[in-house]
């Protein structure tokens, strides 16, 4: 851990006390609060752009008395480490894939269940509604306060050779996130799941440690994973949102006015990110196709084969809280 982060951790108590004693944001002056926000994405990724928007909004709305400092590119750790750092108050914020929360609460498995959301519109309606708001607070007991969701699109497989059916994945070594559910999805499709840090994935693909991975189109493009793995099948097997997390203790140490600034700024950033995500996804796919990447669009029958192969993941959920959420999500029109 760097000296700056050690000092930041030691200063936490003073920061919380200051925020809790009425040192709220005031136009033209007031106590200045600084919040760290590390994440693993590159600076040209749409989610990073949205985080920059979030930071700008926080500073503007607070009159400069609240500042969010972004540390991109995984320089302060992988997503699991960054999640842990918010949980233990080393950092104030982070952006993670929601699968990482599976290490904090079993309920987070809901995000990784295959073919749960019918499409992007269905997912957004769920996340923007009552169910999504409930799920943002699933890890409060681990000092993790969900602030908002960012789109991470539909995750699909990309590999060194063409894939058009579950049979084509059999025997392949596929990188997955640190998620038991995602491991089971890949296993159900006949492949061998490999947990590899995102920052190390390009090398693993390039050297043949893995045969492929699964992610969304912007991440595939901005990491240049398409160079060693130029076959992308639009399996769209899961739609896993990103989550902006904050230390619950730091959140509780803010005044109501400061909390509203955080939430309003996040709402602006979320809307901006969704527009940018759609634009960049189309732009990046066109650029990669022009460079020779093969995109395979599945027919309805082919997609049904992928869904059928992963249906077993729901068999063990009968009578559980997870299945209650599955049924509520499926009922959203």
Protein backbone atom coordinates (compact mmCIF):
# COMPACT_ATOMS: atom_id res chain seq x y z
CA UNK A 1 0.00 0.00 0.00
CA UNK A 2 1.35 3.47 -0.89
CA UNK A 3 2.13 6.12 1.74
CA UNK A 4 -0.71 8.28 0.35
CA UNK A 5 -3.23 5.49 0.82
CA UNK A 6 -1.94 4.74 4.33
CA UNK A 7 -2.31 8.39 5.24
CA UNK A 8 -5.76 8.43 3.67
CA UNK A 9 -6.80 5.47 5.78
CA UNK A 10 -5.52 7.07 8.97
CA UNK A 11 -7.39 10.26 8.12
CA UNK A 12 -10.68 8.45 7.62
CA UNK A 13 -11.95 8.97 11.15
CA UNK A 14 -11.29 12.69 10.96
CA UNK A 15 -12.97 12.86 7.55
CA UNK A 16 -16.07 11.07 8.81
CA UNK A 17 -16.22 13.24 11.90
CA UNK A 18 -15.95 16.37 9.79
CA UNK A 19 -18.70 15.25 7.46
CA UNK A 20 -20.91 14.16 10.34
CA UNK A 21 -20.56 17.43 12.26
CA UNK A 22 -22.37 19.56 9.72
CA UNK A 23 -19.41 20.43 7.48
CA UNK A 24 -21.71 20.27 4.46
CA UNK A 25 -21.06 21.47 0.94
CA UNK A 26 -21.53 25.25 0.63
CA UNK A 27 -21.27 27.35 -2.48
CA UNK A 28 -18.19 29.53 -2.38
CA UNK A 29 -16.53 27.87 0.58
CA UNK A 30 -16.76 25.25 3.28
CA UNK A 31 -14.90 22.14 4.29
CA UNK A 32 -13.36 20.28 1.32
CA UNK A 33 -13.87 16.52 1.17
CA UNK A 34 -11.81 14.36 -1.17
CA UNK A 35 -12.92 10.88 -2.26
CA UNK A 36 -10.82 8.29 -4.10
CA UNK A 37 -12.41 6.27 -6.92
CA UNK A 38 -10.13 3.60 -8.42
CA UNK A 39 -11.27 1.20 -11.14
CA UNK A 40 -9.71 -1.23 -13.64
CA UNK A 41 -10.93 0.16 -16.99
CA UNK A 42 -8.95 2.07 -19.60
CA UNK A 43 -9.52 5.80 -19.94
CA UNK A 44 -11.23 5.44 -23.33
CA UNK A 45 -13.88 3.08 -21.94
CA UNK A 46 -17.46 4.49 -21.82
CA UNK A 47 -17.76 3.72 -18.10
CA UNK A 48 -14.59 5.68 -17.32
CA UNK A 49 -16.02 8.62 -19.29
CA UNK A 50 -19.16 8.40 -17.16
CA UNK A 51 -17.10 8.36 -13.97
CA UNK A 52 -15.38 11.54 -15.15
CA UNK A 53 -18.84 13.04 -15.63
CA UNK A 54 -19.81 11.92 -12.12
CA UNK A 55 -16.71 13.55 -10.61
CA UNK A 56 -17.32 16.78 -12.52
CA UNK A 57 -20.94 16.90 -11.39
CA UNK A 58 -20.02 16.29 -7.74
CA UNK A 59 -17.49 19.11 -7.77
CA UNK A 60 -19.83 21.50 -9.59
CA UNK A 61 -22.89 20.78 -7.47
CA UNK A 62 -20.92 21.05 -4.23
CA UNK A 63 -19.28 24.32 -5.17
CA UNK A 64 -15.87 22.63 -5.08
CA UNK A 65 -16.21 21.36 -1.51
CA UNK A 66 -16.48 17.71 -2.62
CA UNK A 67 -13.88 16.27 -4.99
CA UNK A 68 -13.72 12.76 -6.50
CA UNK A 69 -10.26 11.62 -7.61
CA UNK A 70 -10.36 8.83 -10.22
CA UNK A 71 -7.57 6.25 -10.54
CA UNK A 72 -8.18 4.21 -13.72
CA UNK A 73 -6.47 1.21 -15.29
CA UNK A 74 -6.23 -1.07 -12.28
CA UNK A 75 -3.23 0.78 -10.87
CA UNK A 76 -4.53 0.30 -7.31
CA UNK A 77 -5.62 -3.33 -7.66
CA UNK A 78 -7.99 -5.70 -9.40
CA UNK A 79 -11.76 -5.46 -8.94
CA UNK A 80 -11.86 -7.83 -5.98
CA UNK A 81 -9.13 -5.86 -4.22
CA UNK A 82 -10.85 -2.57 -4.99
CA UNK A 83 -14.15 -3.87 -3.64
CA UNK A 84 -12.36 -5.02 -0.48
CA UNK A 85 -10.68 -1.62 -0.18
CA UNK A 86 -14.03 0.17 -0.14
CA UNK A 87 -15.38 -2.37 2.34
CA UNK A 88 -12.48 -1.64 4.71
CA UNK A 89 -12.52 2.14 4.00
CA UNK A 90 -9.18 2.35 2.19
CA UNK A 91 -11.07 3.97 -0.69
CA UNK A 92 -14.34 5.89 -0.70
CA UNK A 93 -15.66 4.64 -4.07
CA UNK A 94 -15.00 2.06 -6.73
CA UNK A 95 -16.65 0.78 -9.87
CA UNK A 96 -16.89 -2.99 -10.15
CA UNK A 97 -18.71 -5.61 -12.14
CA UNK A 98 -21.63 -6.73 -9.99
CA UNK A 99 -20.35 -10.33 -10.05
CA UNK A 100 -17.60 -9.31 -7.62
CA UNK A 101 -20.27 -8.80 -4.95
CA UNK A 102 -20.77 -12.58 -4.87
CA UNK A 103 -17.80 -12.65 -2.48
CA UNK A 104 -19.79 -10.40 -0.12
CA UNK A 105 -23.35 -11.71 -0.41
CA UNK A 106 -24.97 -14.73 -2.03
CA UNK A 107 -27.77 -12.55 -3.39
CA UNK A 108 -25.34 -11.02 -5.90
CA UNK A 109 -25.53 -14.27 -7.87
CA UNK A 110 -28.76 -12.88 -9.32
CA UNK A 111 -26.81 -10.70 -11.76
CA UNK A 112 -24.91 -13.62 -13.32
CA UNK A 113 -27.82 -15.97 -13.99
CA UNK A 114 -27.94 -16.75 -17.73
CA UNK A 115 -30.65 -15.34 -19.96
CA UNK A 116 -32.47 -13.78 -17.00
CA UNK A 117 -33.02 -10.43 -18.71
CA UNK A 118 -34.87 -10.59 -22.02
CA UNK A 119 -33.02 -7.63 -23.52
CA UNK A 120 -31.39 -4.33 -22.56
CA UNK A 121 -34.74 -2.56 -22.16
CA UNK A 122 -35.94 -5.22 -19.72
CA UNK A 123 -32.71 -5.01 -17.70
CA UNK A 124 -32.90 -1.23 -17.43
CA UNK A 125 -36.53 -1.32 -16.34
CA UNK A 126 -35.63 -3.80 -13.58
CA UNK A 127 -32.56 -1.91 -12.39
CA UNK A 128 -34.30 1.49 -12.47
CA UNK A 129 -37.23 0.20 -10.46
CA UNK A 130 -37.93 -1.18 -7.01
CA UNK A 131 -35.97 -4.40 -7.52
CA UNK A 132 -32.84 -2.58 -8.63
CA UNK A 133 -32.99 -0.19 -5.68
CA UNK A 134 -33.32 -3.11 -3.27
CA UNK A 135 -30.35 -4.89 -4.79
CA UNK A 136 -28.11 -1.81 -4.52
CA UNK A 137 -28.27 -2.24 -0.73
CA UNK A 138 -27.60 -5.99 -0.69
CA UNK A 139 -24.10 -5.61 0.82
CA UNK A 140 -24.67 -2.87 3.42
CA UNK A 141 -23.57 -5.37 6.05
CA UNK A 142 -20.18 -5.42 4.34
CA UNK A 143 -19.94 -1.60 4.42
CA UNK A 144 -20.83 -1.37 0.71
CA UNK A 145 -23.45 1.13 -0.43
CA UNK A 146 -24.59 0.82 -4.05
CA UNK A 147 -24.95 4.27 -5.61
CA UNK A 148 -26.03 3.47 -9.17
CA UNK A 149 -25.72 1.01 -12.03
CA UNK A 150 -23.82 1.48 -15.27
CA UNK A 151 -24.63 -0.53 -18.37
CA UNK A 152 -22.13 -3.24 -19.18
CA UNK A 153 -24.18 -4.57 -22.08
CA UNK A 154 -24.63 -8.22 -22.87
CA UNK A 155 -21.62 -10.46 -22.35
CA UNK A 156 -20.68 -12.77 -25.21
CA UNK A 157 -17.83 -15.16 -25.95
CA UNK A 158 -14.73 -14.24 -27.93
CA UNK A 159 -12.26 -16.92 -28.93
CA UNK A 160 -9.35 -17.94 -31.11
CA UNK A 161 -11.61 -20.00 -33.38
CA UNK A 162 -15.20 -19.56 -34.50
CA UNK A 163 -18.01 -20.53 -32.12
CA UNK A 164 -21.65 -20.86 -33.14
CA UNK A 165 -23.01 -23.42 -30.67
CA UNK A 166 -22.31 -24.83 -27.20
CA UNK A 167 -20.64 -27.80 -28.90
CA UNK A 168 -17.97 -25.47 -30.29
CA UNK A 169 -17.03 -24.39 -26.74
CA UNK A 170 -16.44 -27.92 -25.47
CA UNK A 171 -12.92 -28.33 -24.13
CA UNK A 172 -12.02 -24.67 -24.51
CA UNK A 173 -10.35 -22.82 -21.66
CA UNK A 174 -12.44 -19.68 -21.11
CA UNK A 175 -11.48 -16.86 -18.78
CA UNK A 176 -14.22 -15.87 -16.31
CA UNK A 177 -14.57 -13.29 -13.58
CA UNK A 178 -14.25 -14.26 -9.95
CA UNK A 179 -17.78 -15.60 -9.82
CA UNK A 180 -19.01 -19.06 -8.90
CA UNK A 181 -22.10 -18.49 -11.03
CA UNK A 182 -20.08 -17.55 -14.11
CA UNK A 183 -17.91 -20.62 -13.59
CA UNK A 184 -21.04 -22.75 -13.62
CA UNK A 185 -22.34 -21.04 -16.77
CA UNK A 186 -19.13 -21.85 -18.63
CA UNK A 187 -19.06 -25.40 -17.28
CA UNK A 188 -22.66 -25.96 -18.36
CA UNK A 189 -21.60 -25.03 -21.89
CA UNK A 190 -18.84 -27.65 -21.81
CA UNK A 191 -15.85 -25.31 -21.46
CA UNK A 192 -13.27 -25.05 -18.70
CA UNK A 193 -13.52 -21.80 -16.68
CA UNK A 194 -10.26 -20.06 -15.81
CA UNK A 195 -10.06 -17.22 -13.28
CA UNK A 196 -7.53 -14.70 -14.56
CA UNK A 197 -7.20 -11.04 -13.59
CA UNK A 198 -8.60 -8.75 -16.27
CA UNK A 199 -5.30 -6.87 -16.54
CA UNK A 200 -3.51 -10.15 -17.33
CA UNK A 201 -6.02 -11.42 -19.87
CA UNK A 202 -4.44 -10.05 -23.04
CA UNK A 203 -1.21 -11.92 -22.32
CA UNK A 204 -3.14 -15.07 -21.42
CA UNK A 205 -4.96 -14.93 -24.74
CA UNK A 206 -1.85 -14.08 -26.70
CA UNK A 207 0.20 -16.93 -25.21
CA UNK A 208 -2.57 -19.53 -25.34
CA UNK A 209 -3.04 -19.87 -21.59
CA UNK A 210 -6.74 -19.51 -22.41
CA UNK A 211 -8.63 -20.05 -25.66
CA UNK A 212 -11.08 -17.24 -25.09
CA UNK A 213 -13.07 -15.11 -22.69
CA UNK A 214 -16.46 -13.44 -22.42
CA UNK A 215 -17.26 -9.78 -22.14
CA UNK A 216 -19.05 -6.89 -23.80
CA UNK A 217 -18.05 -5.21 -27.06
CA UNK A 218 -16.56 -1.98 -25.60
CA UNK A 219 -14.30 -3.96 -23.24
CA UNK A 220 -13.31 -6.31 -26.09
CA UNK A 221 -12.35 -3.31 -28.20
CA UNK A 222 -10.65 -1.02 -25.67
CA UNK A 223 -8.39 -3.84 -24.43
CA UNK A 224 -7.58 -4.98 -27.99
CA UNK A 225 -8.44 -8.54 -27.00
CA UNK A 226 -9.70 -8.93 -30.56
CA UNK A 227 -6.10 -9.17 -31.79
CA UNK A 228 -5.34 -12.58 -30.18
CA UNK A 229 -9.02 -13.68 -30.14
CA UNK A 230 -10.69 -12.43 -33.37
CA UNK A 231 -13.94 -14.45 -33.23
CA UNK A 232 -16.88 -12.93 -31.36
CA UNK A 233 -20.16 -14.81 -31.06
CA UNK A 234 -23.14 -12.75 -29.92
CA UNK A 235 -24.31 -15.33 -27.40
CA UNK A 236 -25.45 -12.56 -25.02
CA UNK A 237 -25.63 -15.16 -22.27
CA UNK A 238 -25.68 -12.70 -19.37
CA UNK A 239 -26.31 -9.01 -18.85
CA UNK A 240 -24.23 -8.07 -15.82
CA UNK A 241 -24.35 -4.40 -14.79
CA UNK A 242 -21.47 -2.46 -13.36
CA UNK A 243 -22.06 -0.89 -9.96
CA UNK A 244 -20.70 2.31 -8.45
CA UNK A 245 -20.02 1.47 -4.80
CA UNK A 246 -19.33 3.72 -1.83
CA UNK A 247 -18.24 2.98 1.69
CA UNK A 248 -21.46 2.87 3.72
CA UNK A 249 -19.70 4.49 6.68
CA UNK A 250 -18.53 7.38 4.53
CA UNK A 251 -22.02 7.68 3.06
CA UNK A 252 -23.56 7.80 6.54
CA UNK A 253 -21.02 10.45 7.54
CA UNK A 254 -22.30 12.85 4.88
CA UNK A 255 -25.04 15.40 5.39
CA UNK A 256 -28.36 14.85 3.56
CA UNK A 257 -27.36 17.64 1.18
CA UNK A 258 -24.07 15.93 0.36
CA UNK A 259 -25.80 12.58 -0.13
CA UNK A 260 -28.22 14.21 -2.56
CA UNK A 261 -25.28 15.67 -4.49
CA UNK A 262 -23.79 12.17 -4.83
CA UNK A 263 -27.07 10.62 -6.01
CA UNK A 264 -27.97 13.42 -8.42
CA UNK A 265 -24.47 13.39 -9.90
CA UNK A 266 -24.64 9.62 -10.33
CA UNK A 267 -28.01 9.91 -12.11
CA UNK A 268 -26.53 12.37 -14.62
CA UNK A 269 -23.51 10.12 -15.18
CA UNK A 270 -25.70 7.04 -15.59
CA UNK A 271 -27.82 8.64 -18.30
CA UNK A 272 -24.72 9.92 -20.09
CA UNK A 273 -23.10 6.48 -19.91
CA UNK A 274 -26.11 4.72 -21.40
CA UNK A 275 -26.13 7.01 -24.44
CA UNK A 276 -22.39 6.71 -24.86
CA UNK A 277 -22.52 2.92 -24.42
CA UNK A 278 -24.95 2.48 -27.29
CA UNK A 279 -22.97 4.80 -29.57
CA UNK A 280 -19.60 3.26 -28.79
CA UNK A 281 -20.81 -0.34 -28.98
CA UNK A 282 -21.96 0.20 -32.57
CA UNK A 283 -18.86 2.21 -33.46
CA UNK A 284 -16.43 -0.33 -31.99
CA UNK A 285 -18.11 -3.31 -33.62
CA UNK A 286 -17.92 -1.62 -37.02
CA UNK A 287 -14.23 -0.77 -36.52
CA UNK A 288 -13.33 -4.30 -35.49
CA UNK A 289 -15.27 -5.83 -38.37
CA UNK A 290 -13.30 -3.59 -40.72
CA UNK A 291 -10.09 -4.95 -39.18
CA UNK A 292 -11.13 -8.53 -39.85
CA UNK A 293 -12.86 -9.59 -36.64
CA UNK A 294 -15.58 -12.19 -37.26
CA UNK A 295 -18.90 -11.45 -35.54
CA UNK A 296 -21.36 -14.34 -35.46
CA UNK A 297 -25.01 -13.45 -34.90
CA UNK A 298 -27.05 -16.38 -33.60
CA UNK A 299 -30.42 -17.42 -34.96
CA UNK A 300 -33.29 -17.87 -32.52
CA UNK A 301 -32.74 -21.63 -32.61
CA UNK A 302 -29.02 -21.30 -31.92
CA UNK A 303 -29.62 -18.93 -29.02
CA UNK A 304 -32.18 -21.37 -27.61
CA UNK A 305 -29.48 -24.05 -27.54
CA UNK A 306 -27.24 -21.84 -25.42
CA UNK A 307 -30.13 -21.04 -23.07
CA UNK A 308 -31.13 -24.72 -22.78
CA UNK A 309 -27.56 -25.74 -21.93
CA UNK A 310 -27.47 -23.32 -19.00
CA UNK A 311 -30.98 -23.96 -17.66
CA UNK A 312 -29.62 -26.27 -14.97
CA UNK A 313 -28.37 -23.26 -13.01
CA UNK A 314 -31.97 -22.49 -12.05
CA UNK A 315 -32.71 -26.02 -10.84
CA UNK A 316 -30.98 -25.51 -7.49
CA UNK A 317 -32.75 -22.24 -6.71
CA UNK A 318 -36.22 -23.56 -5.92
CA UNK A 319 -37.50 -22.14 -2.63
CA UNK A 320 -34.61 -19.71 -2.21
CA UNK A 321 -34.56 -15.93 -1.92
CA UNK A 322 -32.66 -15.86 -5.20
CA UNK A 323 -35.53 -17.61 -6.98
CA UNK A 324 -37.97 -15.11 -5.52
CA UNK A 325 -35.97 -12.35 -7.23
CA UNK A 326 -35.77 -14.38 -10.45
CA UNK A 327 -39.56 -14.65 -10.53
CA UNK A 328 -40.02 -10.94 -9.76
CA UNK A 329 -37.56 -9.99 -12.51
CA UNK A 330 -39.21 -12.27 -15.06
CA UNK A 331 -42.58 -10.71 -14.20
CA UNK A 332 -41.42 -7.18 -15.08
CA UNK A 333 -43.00 -6.16 -18.40
